[in-house]
Amino acid sequence: MALLCRHDRVLWLVNMTSAGEKQHYALALIRQWFKHLPSDFKVGLLYDIGCQLERSCRKWGFLTDVLPHIIFGISIFHAFGHQWPCQIVYHPRKCVGFGL
């Protein structure tokens, strides 16, 4: 799994040791990312299961210190595979701040 910035520049890589979407990999990458950002930054995060990741963070208290600084979205390729209500909330064209 990788954390990329705009224009596909690799910021960090994680060696996934088990198959499937494991949210702890994404959480570790986000935690590392925010160590290198100013505390007042607001960032947009596109992830194929961004809706589930945000729900997990809110439900279980993950990333509570940086959660207000993240706008979650689903990459356009994956957005249409999600249910319609999810598309309305997490599609990048519907999220303020993505500039699409």
Protein backbone atom coordinates (compact mmCIF):
# COMPACT_ATOMS: atom_id res chain seq x y z
CA MET A 1 0.00 0.00 0.00
CA ALA A 2 1.31 3.47 -0.78
CA LEU A 3 0.54 7.04 0.15
CA LEU A 4 0.82 9.21 -2.94
CA CYS A 5 0.48 12.93 -3.36
CA ARG A 6 -1.01 14.61 -6.37
CA HIS A 7 0.68 13.62 -9.64
CA ASP A 8 1.44 10.14 -8.23
CA ARG A 9 4.55 11.06 -6.25
CA VAL A 10 5.23 8.38 -3.65
CA LEU A 11 5.42 9.69 -0.09
CA TRP A 12 5.44 6.43 1.90
CA LEU A 13 5.10 2.72 1.24
CA VAL A 14 3.81 -0.02 3.53
CA ASN A 15 4.67 -3.68 3.07
CA MET A 16 1.34 -5.48 3.36
CA THR A 17 1.92 -8.86 4.98
CA SER A 18 -1.68 -10.07 4.68
CA ALA A 19 -4.19 -9.92 1.85
CA GLY A 20 -7.26 -7.70 1.83
CA GLU A 21 -8.17 -4.20 2.85
CA LYS A 22 -6.69 -3.81 6.31
CA GLN A 23 -7.44 -0.37 7.68
CA HIS A 24 -4.47 -0.36 10.04
CA TYR A 25 -2.16 0.12 7.04
CA ALA A 26 -4.04 3.25 6.01
CA LEU A 27 -4.12 4.49 9.61
CA ALA A 28 -0.35 4.04 9.93
CA LEU A 29 0.26 5.94 6.68
CA ILE A 30 -2.04 8.79 7.71
CA ARG A 31 -0.39 9.03 11.13
CA GLN A 32 3.06 9.21 9.49
CA TRP A 33 1.82 11.78 6.97
CA PHE A 34 0.52 14.15 9.63
CA LYS A 35 3.83 14.05 11.51
CA HIS A 36 5.26 16.02 8.58
CA LEU A 37 2.46 18.55 8.08
CA PRO A 38 1.78 21.82 9.88
CA SER A 39 -0.90 21.40 12.55
CA ASP A 40 -3.34 23.73 10.79
CA PHE A 41 -3.31 21.93 7.40
CA LYS A 42 -6.55 20.65 5.89
CA VAL A 43 -6.06 17.68 3.54
CA GLY A 44 -8.21 15.71 1.14
CA LEU A 45 -7.80 11.95 1.33
CA LEU A 46 -9.04 9.77 -1.54
CA TYR A 47 -9.18 6.08 -0.67
CA ASP A 48 -11.23 3.31 -2.27
CA ILE A 49 -12.89 2.61 1.09
CA GLY A 50 -12.65 6.15 2.46
CA CYS A 51 -16.24 5.93 3.68
CA GLN A 52 -15.47 2.89 5.83
CA LEU A 53 -12.20 4.37 7.06
CA GLU A 54 -13.89 7.57 8.24
CA ARG A 55 -16.65 5.57 9.93
CA SER A 56 -14.07 3.41 11.74
CA CYS A 57 -12.11 6.46 12.87
CA ARG A 58 -15.22 8.07 14.33
CA LYS A 59 -16.59 4.86 15.87
CA TRP A 60 -13.37 3.63 17.47
CA GLY A 61 -11.62 6.95 18.15
CA PHE A 62 -8.75 6.52 15.68
CA LEU A 63 -6.80 9.62 14.61
CA THR A 64 -8.90 11.89 16.83
CA ASP A 65 -6.27 14.63 16.83
CA VAL A 66 -6.05 14.87 13.02
CA LEU A 67 -9.57 13.81 12.00
CA PRO A 68 -10.89 17.41 11.88
CA HIS A 69 -8.16 18.18 9.32
CA ILE A 70 -9.15 15.40 6.87
CA ILE A 71 -11.76 15.51 4.12
CA PHE A 72 -12.46 11.89 3.17
CA GLY A 73 -13.42 10.94 -0.36
CA ILE A 74 -13.54 7.93 -2.63
CA SER A 75 -11.47 7.89 -5.79
CA ILE A 76 -13.66 8.35 -8.84
CA PHE A 77 -12.86 4.87 -10.18
CA HIS A 78 -14.23 3.28 -6.99
CA ALA A 79 -17.01 5.77 -6.24
CA PHE A 80 -19.50 4.28 -8.67
CA GLY A 81 -19.10 0.86 -7.07
CA HIS A 82 -20.49 2.23 -3.80
CA GLN A 83 -24.13 2.70 -2.89
CA TRP A 84 -25.80 5.87 -4.09
CA PRO A 85 -25.94 7.63 -0.67
CA CYS A 86 -22.22 6.95 -0.24
CA GLN A 87 -21.51 8.46 -3.67
CA ILE A 88 -23.36 11.64 -2.71
CA VAL A 89 -21.23 12.16 0.40
CA TYR A 90 -17.82 10.85 -0.69
CA HIS A 91 -17.57 11.45 -4.46
CA PRO A 92 -14.72 13.98 -4.99
CA ARG A 93 -16.92 16.16 -7.19
CA LYS A 94 -19.33 16.52 -4.28
CA CYS A 95 -16.70 17.12 -1.56
CA VAL A 96 -15.75 20.74 -0.94
CA GLY A 97 -12.02 21.30 -1.27
CA PHE A 98 -11.03 18.77 -3.92
CA GLY A 99 -11.08 21.29 -6.75
CA LEU A 100 -12.72 19.02 -9.30
